[in-house]
Amino acid sequence: MTRAETIADVLRRPVLKRPVLAHELRGRLVQGLGAGSTAAEWTATVPQLAEAIDAALGAGHALVIEHQGGDLVGTCQCGRRLGRINPATRLDALAVPWVRHTEERTAAAVRTHA
């Protein structure tokens, strides 16, 4: 299942850790409507939905680039450090190690489930 399919699946019917509380009903909510219907099958706050997506995806592997001092630091969402570069350096210097890392993780997952 691709990342997009996992997110779509969670959006269809998220598994929430707790129900929406009465005071949260005044804030922003996300609702899943029944197919061809306006009846809400589920209701969640935006943070609840984000938690459901994070739980479904587990430790993801998004490339995160942050400013630290005068440099850019690249890390994977799972915590693996990818490097530090000068802002004048092409971002490929961080993206290439990230692609290799995600390919290694994917290959390891395939070997584990084979």
Protein backbone atom coordinates (compact mmCIF):
# COMPACT_ATOMS: atom_id res chain seq x y z
CA MET A 1 0.00 0.00 0.00
CA THR A 2 1.43 3.40 -0.96
CA ARG A 3 1.66 6.29 1.49
CA ALA A 4 -1.21 8.06 -0.32
CA GLU A 5 -3.38 4.93 -0.09
CA THR A 6 -2.64 4.62 3.64
CA ILE A 7 -3.64 8.25 4.23
CA ALA A 8 -6.80 7.81 2.14
CA ASP A 9 -7.66 4.68 4.13
CA VAL A 10 -7.23 6.54 7.42
CA LEU A 11 -9.36 9.40 6.12
CA ARG A 12 -12.15 6.95 5.26
CA ARG A 13 -12.38 5.59 8.80
CA PRO A 14 -9.80 6.86 11.31
CA VAL A 15 -9.12 4.91 14.48
CA LEU A 16 -9.36 7.55 17.20
CA LYS A 17 -7.81 7.09 20.64
CA ARG A 18 -10.61 9.06 22.27
CA PRO A 19 -14.02 10.44 21.28
CA VAL A 20 -14.53 14.12 20.46
CA LEU A 21 -15.26 16.04 23.66
CA ALA A 22 -18.19 18.46 23.91
CA HIS A 23 -15.99 21.55 24.26
CA GLU A 24 -14.11 20.59 21.08
CA LEU A 25 -17.29 20.81 19.02
CA ARG A 26 -16.82 24.59 18.84
CA GLY A 27 -13.47 24.21 17.08
CA ARG A 28 -12.56 22.93 13.64
CA LEU A 29 -13.71 19.38 12.94
CA VAL A 30 -13.25 16.88 10.18
CA GLN A 31 -16.16 14.59 9.35
CA GLY A 32 -16.37 11.45 7.28
CA LEU A 33 -19.65 11.38 5.42
CA GLY A 34 -21.38 8.23 4.27
CA ALA A 35 -21.14 7.40 0.58
CA GLY A 36 -23.70 9.48 -1.32
CA SER A 37 -24.96 10.89 1.99
CA THR A 38 -24.67 13.94 4.20
CA ALA A 39 -24.82 11.83 7.38
CA ALA A 40 -21.55 11.91 9.35
CA GLU A 41 -20.11 8.44 9.96
CA TRP A 42 -17.37 9.85 12.19
CA THR A 43 -16.19 13.20 13.57
CA ALA A 44 -12.67 14.12 14.66
CA THR A 45 -10.70 17.19 15.59
CA VAL A 46 -7.80 18.03 13.32
CA PRO A 47 -5.24 16.90 15.97
CA GLN A 48 -7.10 13.60 16.40
CA LEU A 49 -7.04 13.01 12.66
CA ALA A 50 -3.33 13.86 12.52
CA GLU A 51 -2.69 11.35 15.32
CA ALA A 52 -4.67 8.69 13.44
CA ILE A 53 -2.65 9.30 10.27
CA ASP A 54 0.65 9.26 12.19
CA ALA A 55 -0.34 6.01 13.90
CA ALA A 56 -1.29 4.43 10.57
CA LEU A 57 1.95 5.48 8.91
CA GLY A 58 4.18 4.57 11.84
CA ALA A 59 7.62 6.10 11.81
CA GLY A 60 7.59 7.77 8.42
CA HIS A 61 10.51 8.61 6.21
CA ALA A 62 9.90 12.19 5.14
CA LEU A 63 12.93 14.36 4.42
CA VAL A 64 13.12 17.15 7.01
CA ILE A 65 15.37 20.16 6.34
CA GLU A 66 15.89 22.72 9.09
CA HIS A 67 17.98 25.86 9.55
CA GLN A 68 20.58 25.49 12.30
CA GLY A 69 22.88 28.43 12.65
CA GLY A 70 23.92 29.38 9.14
CA ASP A 71 23.55 25.84 7.80
CA LEU A 72 20.80 23.53 6.61
CA VAL A 73 20.55 20.21 8.42
CA GLY A 74 18.82 17.23 6.85
CA THR A 75 17.26 14.40 8.82
CA CYS A 76 14.76 11.70 8.06
CA GLN A 77 11.44 11.79 9.90
CA CYS A 78 12.46 8.51 11.55
CA GLY A 79 15.41 10.31 13.18
CA ARG A 80 18.34 9.35 10.94
CA ARG A 81 20.71 12.27 10.43
CA LEU A 82 21.53 12.88 6.76
CA GLY A 83 24.00 15.74 6.87
CA ARG A 84 24.70 19.45 7.20
CA ILE A 85 25.21 21.75 4.24
CA ASN A 86 25.82 25.39 3.47
CA PRO A 87 22.67 27.11 2.10
CA ALA A 88 24.54 27.71 -1.19
CA THR A 89 24.94 23.95 -1.66
CA ARG A 90 22.36 22.14 -3.80
CA LEU A 91 19.74 20.28 -1.77
CA ASP A 92 20.69 17.12 -3.67
CA ALA A 93 23.47 16.78 -1.09
CA LEU A 94 20.73 15.94 1.45
CA ALA A 95 18.15 14.42 -0.87
CA VAL A 96 20.45 11.74 -2.32
CA PRO A 97 21.36 10.24 1.10
CA TRP A 98 17.66 10.38 2.04
CA VAL A 99 16.66 8.48 -1.13
CA ARG A 100 19.32 5.84 -0.41
CA HIS A 101 18.08 5.58 3.19
CA THR A 102 14.44 5.11 2.15
CA GLU A 103 15.45 2.53 -0.49
CA GLU A 104 17.44 0.60 2.15
CA ARG A 105 14.45 0.68 4.53
CA THR A 106 12.08 -0.46 1.79
CA ALA A 107 14.41 -3.31 0.78
CA ALA A 108 14.76 -4.38 4.43
CA ALA A 109 10.97 -4.36 4.87
CA VAL A 110 10.52 -6.48 1.76
CA ARG A 111 13.10 -9.01 3.01
CA THR A 112 11.37 -9.12 6.41
CA HIS A 113 7.92 -9.78 4.89
CA ALA A 114 9.09 -12.16 2.18
